[in-house]
């Protein structure tokens, strides 16, 4: 069995008008790798405003791109 290393890239932008171009560039780059490997899809995760990770993921079927937002716990009161 061939082991395929997943790649992860982080994108951080300060201005909203830069976001689409930065994400499209990284997704396009990973699409080339995904096609060469034929085993994983692309997962885009929003970590915070203007901050994303883009990675090849075995949890995403080949040929697909999934998007998700990382949920963080917010304390509601004192423990």
PDB file of N, CA and C in Angstrom:
ATOM      1  N   UNK A   1       0.845  -1.186   0.000  1.00  0.00           N
ATOM      2  CA  UNK A   1       0.000   0.000   0.000  1.00  0.00           C
ATOM      3  C   UNK A   1       0.888   1.245   0.000  1.00  0.00           C
ATOM      4  N   UNK A   2       0.571   2.197  -0.840  1.00  0.00           N
ATOM      5  CA  UNK A   2       1.335   3.434  -0.922  1.00  0.00           C
ATOM      6  C   UNK A   2       0.793   4.430   0.087  1.00  0.00           C
ATOM      7  N   UNK A   3       1.683   5.022   0.848  1.00  0.00           N
ATOM      8  CA  UNK A   3       1.273   6.024   1.823  1.00  0.00           C
ATOM      9  C   UNK A   3       1.394   7.397   1.168  1.00  0.00           C
ATOM     10  N   UNK A   4       0.334   8.185   1.243  1.00  0.00           N
ATOM     11  CA  UNK A   4       0.310   9.496   0.626  1.00  0.00           C
ATOM     12  C   UNK A   4       0.345  10.553   1.723  1.00  0.00           C
ATOM     13  N   UNK A   5       1.303  11.447   1.645  1.00  0.00           N
ATOM     14  CA  UNK A   5       1.418  12.509   2.641  1.00  0.00           C
ATOM     15  C   UNK A   5       0.443  13.624   2.303  1.00  0.00           C
ATOM     16  N   UNK A   6      -0.334  14.013   3.291  1.00  0.00           N
ATOM     17  CA  UNK A   6      -1.255  15.132   3.104  1.00  0.00           C
ATOM     18  C   UNK A   6      -0.497  16.437   3.253  1.00  0.00           C
ATOM     19  N   UNK A   7      -0.885  17.423   2.482  1.00  0.00           N
ATOM     20  CA  UNK A   7      -0.236  18.728   2.550  1.00  0.00           C
ATOM     21  C   UNK A   7      -1.233  19.743   3.081  1.00  0.00           C
ATOM     22  N   UNK A   8      -0.745  20.651   3.922  1.00  0.00           N
ATOM     23  CA  UNK A   8      -1.593  21.701   4.477  1.00  0.00           C
ATOM     24  C   UNK A   8      -0.902  23.047   4.278  1.00  0.00           C
ATOM     25  N   UNK A   9      -1.675  24.029   3.832  1.00  0.00           N
ATOM     26  CA  UNK A   9      -1.180  25.379   3.635  1.00  0.00           C
ATOM     27  C   UNK A   9      -2.092  26.326   4.403  1.00  0.00           C
ATOM     28  N   UNK A  10      -1.515  27.340   5.008  1.00  0.00           N
ATOM     29  CA  UNK A  10      -2.325  28.337   5.697  1.00  0.00           C
ATOM     30  C   UNK A  10      -2.325  29.621   4.882  1.00  0.00           C
ATOM     31  N   UNK A  11      -3.511  30.215   4.755  1.00  0.00           N
ATOM     32  CA  UNK A  11      -3.680  31.480   4.050  1.00  0.00           C
ATOM     33  C   UNK A  11      -4.150  32.514   5.063  1.00  0.00           C
ATOM     34  N   UNK A  12      -3.442  33.629   5.137  1.00  0.00           N
ATOM     35  CA  UNK A  12      -3.824  34.740   6.008  1.00  0.00           C
ATOM     36  C   UNK A  12      -3.844  36.010   5.168  1.00  0.00           C
ATOM     37  N   UNK A  13      -4.957  36.715   5.197  1.00  0.00           N
ATOM     38  CA  UNK A  13      -5.070  37.983   4.477  1.00  0.00           C
ATOM     39  C   UNK A  13      -5.598  39.050   5.422  1.00  0.00           C
ATOM     40  N   UNK A  14      -5.206  40.274   5.158  1.00  0.00           N
ATOM     41  CA  UNK A  14      -5.662  41.393   5.974  1.00  0.00           C
ATOM     42  C   UNK A  14      -6.889  42.069   5.386  1.00  0.00           C
ATOM     43  N   UNK A  15      -7.060  41.964   4.070  1.00  0.00           N
ATOM     44  CA  UNK A  15      -8.151  42.650   3.395  1.00  0.00           C
ATOM     45  C   UNK A  15      -9.034  41.647   2.663  1.00  0.00           C
ATOM     46  N   UNK A  16     -10.333  41.821   2.790  1.00  0.00           N
ATOM     47  CA  UNK A  16     -11.288  40.892   2.188  1.00  0.00           C
ATOM     48  C   UNK A  16     -11.103  40.773   0.678  1.00  0.00           C
ATOM     49  N   UNK A  17     -10.711  41.843   0.013  1.00  0.00           N
ATOM     50  CA  UNK A  17     -10.569  41.784  -1.444  1.00  0.00           C
ATOM     51  C   UNK A  17      -9.398  40.895  -1.881  1.00  0.00           C
ATOM     52  N   UNK A  18      -8.510  40.540  -0.970  1.00  0.00           N
ATOM     53  CA  UNK A  18      -7.394  39.639  -1.291  1.00  0.00           C
ATOM     54  C   UNK A  18      -7.744  38.165  -1.072  1.00  0.00           C
ATOM     55  N   UNK A  19      -8.840  37.915  -0.380  1.00  0.00           N
ATOM     56  CA  UNK A  19      -9.156  36.553   0.052  1.00  0.00           C
ATOM     57  C   UNK A  19      -9.423  35.598  -1.110  1.00  0.00           C
ATOM     58  N   UNK A  20     -10.308  35.955  -2.013  1.00  0.00           N
ATOM     59  CA  UNK A  20     -10.663  35.040  -3.108  1.00  0.00           C
ATOM     60  C   UNK A  20      -9.447  34.638  -3.926  1.00  0.00           C
ATOM     61  N   UNK A  21      -8.620  35.594  -4.275  1.00  0.00           N
ATOM     62  CA  UNK A  21      -7.440  35.285  -5.089  1.00  0.00           C
ATOM     63  C   UNK A  21      -6.486  34.356  -4.350  1.00  0.00           C
ATOM     64  N   UNK A  22      -6.269  34.607  -3.052  1.00  0.00           N
ATOM     65  CA  UNK A  22      -5.356  33.767  -2.269  1.00  0.00           C
ATOM     66  C   UNK A  22      -5.889  32.345  -2.149  1.00  0.00           C
ATOM     67  N   UNK A  23      -7.193  32.209  -1.871  1.00  0.00           N
ATOM     68  CA  UNK A  23      -7.776  30.867  -1.746  1.00  0.00           C
ATOM     69  C   UNK A  23      -7.778  30.141  -3.089  1.00  0.00           C
ATOM     70  N   UNK A  24      -8.149  30.824  -4.155  1.00  0.00           N
ATOM     71  CA  UNK A  24      -8.169  30.192  -5.483  1.00  0.00           C
ATOM     72  C   UNK A  24      -6.779  29.709  -5.888  1.00  0.00           C
ATOM     73  N   UNK A  25      -5.766  30.490  -5.581  1.00  0.00           N
ATOM     74  CA  UNK A  25      -4.395  30.095  -5.914  1.00  0.00           C
ATOM     75  C   UNK A  25      -4.012  28.803  -5.205  1.00  0.00           C
ATOM     76  N   UNK A  26      -4.259  28.728  -3.902  1.00  0.00           N
ATOM     77  CA  UNK A  26      -3.865  27.539  -3.132  1.00  0.00           C
ATOM     78  C   UNK A  26      -4.716  26.319  -3.477  1.00  0.00           C
ATOM     79  N   UNK A  27      -6.007  26.516  -3.686  1.00  0.00           N
ATOM     80  CA  UNK A  27      -6.864  25.390  -4.077  1.00  0.00           C
ATOM     81  C   UNK A  27      -6.414  24.866  -5.443  1.00  0.00           C
ATOM     82  N   UNK A  28      -6.116  25.755  -6.372  1.00  0.00           N
ATOM     83  CA  UNK A  28      -5.634  25.329  -7.694  1.00  0.00           C
ATOM     84  C   UNK A  28      -4.352  24.533  -7.616  1.00  0.00           C
ATOM     85  N   UNK A  29      -3.449  24.972  -6.753  1.00  0.00           N
ATOM     86  CA  UNK A  29      -2.172  24.265  -6.570  1.00  0.00           C
ATOM     87  C   UNK A  29      -2.413  22.865  -6.017  1.00  0.00           C
ATOM     88  N   UNK A  30      -3.314  22.749  -5.039  1.00  0.00           N
ATOM     89  CA  UNK A  30      -3.595  21.434  -4.459  1.00  0.00           C
ATOM     90  C   UNK A  30      -4.415  20.551  -5.402  1.00  0.00           C
ATOM     91  N   UNK A  31      -5.208  21.158  -6.291  1.00  0.00           N
ATOM     92  CA  UNK A  31      -5.943  20.355  -7.271  1.00  0.00           C
ATOM     93  C   UNK A  31      -4.982  19.593  -8.177  1.00  0.00           C
ATOM     94  N   UNK A  32      -3.873  20.214  -8.521  1.00  0.00           N
ATOM     95  CA  UNK A  32      -2.867  19.546  -9.350  1.00  0.00           C
ATOM     96  C   UNK A  32      -2.308  18.331  -8.605  1.00  0.00           C
ATOM     97  N   UNK A  33      -2.011  18.504  -7.321  1.00  0.00           N
ATOM     98  CA  UNK A  33      -1.491  17.382  -6.529  1.00  0.00           C
ATOM     99  C   UNK A  33      -2.551  16.308  -6.344  1.00  0.00           C
ATOM    100  N   UNK A  34      -3.793  16.731  -6.104  1.00  0.00           N
ATOM    101  CA  UNK A  34      -4.869  15.755  -5.915  1.00  0.00           C
ATOM    102  C   UNK A  34      -5.059  14.919  -7.177  1.00  0.00           C
ATOM    103  N   UNK A  35      -4.985  15.552  -8.341  1.00  0.00           N
ATOM    104  CA  UNK A  35      -5.122  14.810  -9.604  1.00  0.00           C
ATOM    105  C   UNK A  35      -3.982  13.820  -9.794  1.00  0.00           C
ATOM    106  N   UNK A  36      -2.781  14.219  -9.412  1.00  0.00           N
ATOM    107  CA  UNK A  36      -1.625  13.329  -9.557  1.00  0.00           C
ATOM    108  C   UNK A  36      -1.734  12.119  -8.634  1.00  0.00           C
ATOM    109  N   UNK A  37      -2.300  12.333  -7.433  1.00  0.00           N
ATOM    110  CA  UNK A  37      -2.394  11.242  -6.461  1.00  0.00           C
ATOM    111  C   UNK A  37      -3.673  10.437  -6.633  1.00  0.00           C
ATOM    112  N   UNK A  38      -4.761  11.113  -7.003  1.00  0.00           N
ATOM    113  CA  UNK A  38      -6.030  10.431  -7.242  1.00  0.00           C
ATOM    114  C   UNK A  38      -6.642   9.766  -6.039  1.00  0.00           C
ATOM    115  N   UNK A  39      -6.350  10.275  -4.833  1.00  0.00           N
ATOM    116  CA  UNK A  39      -6.843   9.590  -3.645  1.00  0.00           C
ATOM    117  C   UNK A  39      -7.510  10.487  -2.625  1.00  0.00           C
ATOM    118  N   UNK A  40      -7.319  11.799  -2.696  1.00  0.00           N
ATOM    119  CA  UNK A  40      -7.859  12.686  -1.667  1.00  0.00           C
ATOM    120  C   UNK A  40      -8.497  13.910  -2.301  1.00  0.00           C
ATOM    121  N   UNK A  41      -9.429  14.494  -1.553  1.00  0.00           N
ATOM    122  CA  UNK A  41     -10.034  15.749  -1.955  1.00  0.00           C
ATOM    123  C   UNK A  41      -9.405  16.898  -1.188  1.00  0.00           C
ATOM    124  N   UNK A  42     -10.002  18.071  -1.325  1.00  0.00           N
ATOM    125  CA  UNK A  42      -9.455  19.284  -0.718  1.00  0.00           C
ATOM    126  C   UNK A  42     -10.402  19.770   0.370  1.00  0.00           C
ATOM    127  N   UNK A  43      -9.840  20.105   1.519  1.00  0.00           N
ATOM    128  CA  UNK A  43     -10.602  20.632   2.646  1.00  0.00           C
ATOM    129  C   UNK A  43     -10.127  22.042   2.941  1.00  0.00           C
ATOM    130  N   UNK A  44     -11.061  23.002   2.901  1.00  0.00           N
ATOM    131  CA  UNK A  44     -10.775  24.400   3.227  1.00  0.00           C
ATOM    132  C   UNK A  44     -11.440  24.676   4.573  1.00  0.00           C
ATOM    133  N   UNK A  45     -10.641  25.084   5.559  1.00  0.00           N
ATOM    134  CA  UNK A  45     -11.161  25.340   6.903  1.00  0.00           C
ATOM    135  C   UNK A  45     -10.948  26.795   7.277  1.00  0.00           C
ATOM    136  N   UNK A  46     -12.032  27.463   7.652  1.00  0.00           N
ATOM    137  CA  UNK A  46     -11.948  28.855   8.125  1.00  0.00           C
ATOM    138  C   UNK A  46     -11.623  28.817   9.609  1.00  0.00           C
ATOM    139  N   UNK A  47     -10.460  29.348   9.965  1.00  0.00           N
ATOM    140  CA  UNK A  47     -10.023  29.361  11.354  1.00  0.00           C
ATOM    141  C   UNK A  47     -10.462  30.629  12.075  1.00  0.00           C
ATOM    142  N   UNK A  48     -10.446  31.732  11.351  1.00  0.00           N
ATOM    143  CA  UNK A  48     -10.799  33.053  11.885  1.00  0.00           C
ATOM    144  C   UNK A  48     -11.007  33.957  10.675  1.00  0.00           C
ATOM    145  N   UNK A  49     -11.533  35.158  10.881  1.00  0.00           N
ATOM    146  CA  UNK A  49     -11.672  36.064   9.741  1.00  0.00           C
ATOM    147  C   UNK A  49     -10.321  36.285   9.050  1.00  0.00           C
ATOM    148  N   UNK A  50     -10.275  35.983   7.753  1.00  0.00           N
ATOM    149  CA  UNK A  50      -9.052  36.170   6.984  1.00  0.00           C
ATOM    150  C   UNK A  50      -7.997  35.101   7.171  1.00  0.00           C
ATOM    151  N   UNK A  51      -8.305  34.041   7.899  1.00  0.00           N
ATOM    152  CA  UNK A  51      -7.324  32.978   8.155  1.00  0.00           C
ATOM    153  C   UNK A  51      -7.938  31.610   7.850  1.00  0.00           C
ATOM    154  N   UNK A  52      -7.308  30.897   6.915  1.00  0.00           N
ATOM    155  CA  UNK A  52      -7.816  29.607   6.442  1.00  0.00           C
ATOM    156  C   UNK A  52      -6.681  28.602   6.315  1.00  0.00           C
ATOM    157  N   UNK A  53      -7.022  27.315   6.426  1.00  0.00           N
ATOM    158  CA  UNK A  53      -6.100  26.262   6.010  1.00  0.00           C
ATOM    159  C   UNK A  53      -6.719  25.576   4.798  1.00  0.00           C
ATOM    160  N   UNK A  54      -5.852  25.160   3.878  1.00  0.00           N
ATOM    161  CA  UNK A  54      -6.262  24.409   2.700  1.00  0.00           C
ATOM    162  C   UNK A  54      -5.386  23.164   2.687  1.00  0.00           C
ATOM    163  N   UNK A  55      -6.021  21.992   2.614  1.00  0.00           N
ATOM    164  CA  UNK A  55      -5.236  20.759   2.693  1.00  0.00           C
ATOM    165  C   UNK A  55      -5.846  19.643   1.873  1.00  0.00           C
ATOM    166  N   UNK A  56      -4.983  18.727   1.446  1.00  0.00           N
ATOM    167  CA  UNK A  56      -5.449  17.462   0.902  1.00  0.00           C
ATOM    168  C   UNK A  56      -5.882  16.627   2.085  1.00  0.00           C
ATOM    169  N   UNK A  57      -7.076  16.042   1.989  1.00  0.00           N
ATOM    170  CA  UNK A  57      -7.616  15.305   3.136  1.00  0.00           C
ATOM    171  C   UNK A  57      -8.197  13.967   2.695  1.00  0.00           C
ATOM    172  N   UNK A  58      -7.845  12.901   3.407  1.00  0.00           N
ATOM    173  CA  UNK A  58      -8.441  11.602   3.109  1.00  0.00           C
ATOM    174  C   UNK A  58      -9.917  11.545   3.515  1.00  0.00           C
ATOM    175  N   UNK A  59     -10.386  12.551   4.274  1.00  0.00           N
ATOM    176  CA  UNK A  59     -11.789  12.602   4.687  1.00  0.00           C
ATOM    177  C   UNK A  59     -12.691  13.178   3.586  1.00  0.00           C
ATOM    178  N   UNK A  60     -12.071  13.753   2.560  1.00  0.00           N
ATOM    179  CA  UNK A  60     -12.813  14.341   1.437  1.00  0.00           C
ATOM    180  C   UNK A  60     -12.613  13.444   0.224  1.00  0.00           C
ATOM    181  N   UNK A  61     -13.702  13.026  -0.417  1.00  0.00           N
ATOM    182  CA  UNK A  61     -13.552  12.162  -1.594  1.00  0.00           C
ATOM    183  C   UNK A  61     -12.775  12.849  -2.714  1.00  0.00           C
ATOM    184  N   UNK A  62     -12.015  12.056  -3.429  1.00  0.00           N
ATOM    185  CA  UNK A  62     -11.254  12.561  -4.581  1.00  0.00           C
ATOM    186  C   UNK A  62     -12.205  13.277  -5.539  1.00  0.00           C
ATOM    187  N   UNK A  63     -11.802  14.450  -5.995  1.00  0.00           N
ATOM    188  CA  UNK A  63     -12.601  15.215  -6.942  1.00  0.00           C
ATOM    189  C   UNK A  63     -13.511  16.246  -6.286  1.00  0.00           C
ATOM    190  N   UNK A  64     -13.541  16.277  -4.953  1.00  0.00           N
ATOM    191  CA  UNK A  64     -14.402  17.210  -4.233  1.00  0.00           C
ATOM    192  C   UNK A  64     -13.578  18.207  -3.431  1.00  0.00           C
ATOM    193  N   UNK A  65     -14.183  19.355  -3.166  1.00  0.00           N
ATOM    194  CA  UNK A  65     -13.630  20.345  -2.247  1.00  0.00           C
ATOM    195  C   UNK A  65     -14.697  20.638  -1.212  1.00  0.00           C
ATOM    196  N   UNK A  66     -14.365  20.422   0.062  1.00  0.00           N
ATOM    197  CA  UNK A  66     -15.283  20.708   1.157  1.00  0.00           C
ATOM    198  C   UNK A  66     -14.801  21.949   1.887  1.00  0.00           C
ATOM    199  N   UNK A  67     -15.750  22.690   2.428  1.00  0.00           N
ATOM    200  CA  UNK A  67     -15.443  23.860   3.236  1.00  0.00           C
ATOM    201  C   UNK A  67     -16.050  23.657   4.620  1.00  0.00           C
ATOM    202  N   UNK A  68     -15.334  24.133   5.640  1.00  0.00           N
ATOM    203  CA  UNK A  68     -15.883  24.087   6.986  1.00  0.00           C
ATOM    204  C   UNK A  68     -15.345  25.273   7.783  1.00  0.00           C
ATOM    205  N   UNK A  69     -16.042  25.581   8.862  1.00  0.00           N
ATOM    206  CA  UNK A  69     -15.604  26.618   9.784  1.00  0.00           C
ATOM    207  C   UNK A  69     -15.238  25.938  11.084  1.00  0.00           C
ATOM    208  N   UNK A  70     -14.061  26.250  11.576  1.00  0.00           N
ATOM    209  CA  UNK A  70     -13.617  25.674  12.843  1.00  0.00           C
ATOM    210  C   UNK A  70     -14.415  26.313  13.963  1.00  0.00           C
ATOM    211  N   UNK A  71     -15.108  25.501  14.718  1.00  0.00           N
ATOM    212  CA  UNK A  71     -15.896  25.994  15.847  1.00  0.00           C
ATOM    213  C   UNK A  71     -15.013  26.024  17.081  1.00  0.00           C
ATOM    214  N   UNK A  72     -15.026  27.137  17.775  1.00  0.00           N
ATOM    215  CA  UNK A  72     -14.263  27.233  19.007  1.00  0.00           C
ATOM    216  C   UNK A  72     -15.226  27.440  20.158  1.00  0.00           C
ATOM    217  N   UNK A  73     -14.883  26.859  21.285  1.00  0.00           N
ATOM    218  CA  UNK A  73     -15.731  26.985  22.468  1.00  0.00           C
ATOM    219  C   UNK A  73     -15.553  28.383  23.078  1.00  0.00           C
ATOM    220  N   UNK A  74     -16.669  28.983  23.434  1.00  0.00           N
ATOM    221  CA  UNK A  74     -16.633  30.283  24.081  1.00  0.00           C
ATOM    222  C   UNK A  74     -17.152  30.122  25.499  1.00  0.00           C
ATOM    223  N   UNK A  75     -16.331  30.498  26.509  1.00  0.00           N
ATOM    224  CA  UNK A  75     -16.798  30.361  27.885  1.00  0.00           C
ATOM    225  C   UNK A  75     -18.018  31.240  28.141  1.00  0.00           C
ATOM    226  N   UNK A  76     -18.980  30.683  28.845  1.00  0.00           N
ATOM    227  CA  UNK A  76     -20.214  31.409  29.119  1.00  0.00           C
ATOM    228  C   UNK A  76     -20.195  32.002  30.535  1.00  0.00           C
ATOM    229  N   UNK A  77     -19.439  31.448  31.409  1.00  0.00           N
ATOM    230  CA  UNK A  77     -19.387  31.954  32.767  1.00  0.00           C
ATOM    231  C   UNK A  77     -18.170  31.410  33.477  1.00  0.00           C
ATOM    232  N   UNK A  78     -18.066  31.699  34.744  1.00  0.00           N
ATOM    233  CA  UNK A  78     -16.935  31.199  35.527  1.00  0.00           C
ATOM    234  C   UNK A  78     -17.151  29.742  35.862  1.00  0.00           C
ATOM    235  N   UNK A  79     -16.050  29.007  35.916  1.00  0.00           N
ATOM    236  CA  UNK A  79     -16.117  27.576  36.245  1.00  0.00           C
ATOM    237  C   UNK A  79     -16.138  27.388  37.748  1.00  0.00           C
TER     238      UNK A  79
END
